[in-house]
Protein backbone atom coordinates (compact mmCIF):
# COMPACT_ATOMS: atom_id res chain seq x y z
CA UNK A 1 139.90 106.18 133.67
CA UNK A 2 142.50 106.18 130.99
CA UNK A 3 142.83 102.74 129.66
CA UNK A 4 146.24 101.01 129.87
CA UNK A 5 147.21 103.30 132.93
CA UNK A 6 146.94 100.55 135.50
CA UNK A 7 149.37 98.44 133.50
CA UNK A 8 151.87 101.28 133.12
CA UNK A 9 151.74 101.79 137.18
CA UNK A 10 152.77 98.08 137.05
CA UNK A 11 155.71 98.44 134.92
CA UNK A 12 153.85 96.64 131.40
CA UNK A 13 154.35 99.54 129.38
CA UNK A 14 153.60 97.98 126.11
CA UNK A 15 150.23 96.08 127.58
CA UNK A 16 149.21 99.58 128.63
CA UNK A 17 150.07 100.94 125.35
CA UNK A 18 147.97 97.63 123.83
CA UNK A 19 145.11 98.23 126.27
CA UNK A 20 144.95 102.05 125.43
CA UNK A 21 144.87 101.89 121.78
CA UNK A 22 142.31 98.62 121.53
CA UNK A 23 139.87 100.38 124.37
CA UNK A 24 139.82 103.69 121.96
CA UNK A 25 139.54 101.18 118.89
CA UNK A 26 136.37 99.92 120.48
CA UNK A 27 134.82 103.22 121.65
CA UNK A 28 135.54 104.73 117.93
CA UNK A 29 133.57 101.51 116.64
CA UNK A 30 130.65 101.90 119.00
CA UNK A 31 130.09 102.66 122.65
CA UNK A 32 129.93 98.79 123.60
CA UNK A 33 132.82 97.08 122.25
CA UNK A 34 134.75 100.41 123.96
CA UNK A 35 132.71 99.30 127.06
CA UNK A 36 133.57 95.54 127.02
CA UNK A 37 137.27 96.20 126.11
CA UNK A 38 137.40 98.85 128.93
CA UNK A 39 136.07 96.43 131.85
CA UNK A 40 138.73 93.85 130.36
CA UNK A 41 141.31 96.28 130.50
CA UNK A 42 140.21 97.20 134.54
CA UNK A 43 140.11 93.36 135.18
CA UNK A 44 143.80 92.99 133.97
CA UNK A 45 145.38 95.81 135.76
CA UNK A 46 143.25 94.83 138.96
CA UNK A 47 144.23 91.13 139.02
CA UNK A 48 147.50 90.84 137.07
CA UNK A 49 150.53 90.58 139.19
CA UNK A 50 153.61 91.62 137.69
CA UNK A 51 154.96 90.69 134.29
CA UNK A 52 151.53 88.49 134.35
CA UNK A 53 149.10 90.19 131.85
CA UNK A 54 146.40 89.21 129.15
CA UNK A 55 148.08 91.15 127.05
CA UNK A 56 151.80 89.51 127.54
CA UNK A 57 151.45 87.44 124.52
CA UNK A 58 153.91 84.49 125.32
CA UNK A 59 151.38 81.74 124.42
CA UNK A 60 149.92 80.92 121.58
CA UNK A 61 146.23 80.89 122.94
CA UNK A 62 146.92 84.58 123.93
CA UNK A 63 148.03 85.55 120.38
CA UNK A 64 145.17 83.82 118.59
CA UNK A 65 142.41 85.60 120.91
CA UNK A 66 144.33 88.86 120.40
CA UNK A 67 144.25 88.56 116.71
CA UNK A 68 140.63 87.64 116.82
CA UNK A 69 139.88 90.47 119.06
CA UNK A 70 141.76 92.88 116.58
CA UNK A 71 139.91 91.35 113.39
CA UNK A 72 136.57 91.45 114.72
CA UNK A 73 136.71 95.30 115.75
CA UNK A 74 138.17 95.97 112.23
CA UNK A 75 135.26 93.82 110.67
CA UNK A 76 132.93 95.74 112.44
CA UNK A 77 134.34 98.83 112.03
CA UNK A 78 134.37 98.41 108.08
CA UNK A 79 130.90 96.57 108.28
CA UNK A 80 129.55 99.78 110.24
CA UNK A 81 131.05 102.14 107.63
CA UNK A 82 130.10 100.41 104.66
């Protein structure tokens, strides 16, 4: 029920904190982005092994995807509140 808790229980503290912030931002923006990010967080915690995580950010495609998701979320929050 708490975003990032599954990652933290697998000793992935930083990815857990990132997921918690991302899901909280998604729910702040609107219900559906938060729900999508929450589902991705659950899948990441369920199917990652040890240090392999979607939020590991060791490769460039993962970094680009992460920055794109954050930019889309910030843009959506801005557009919704203007």
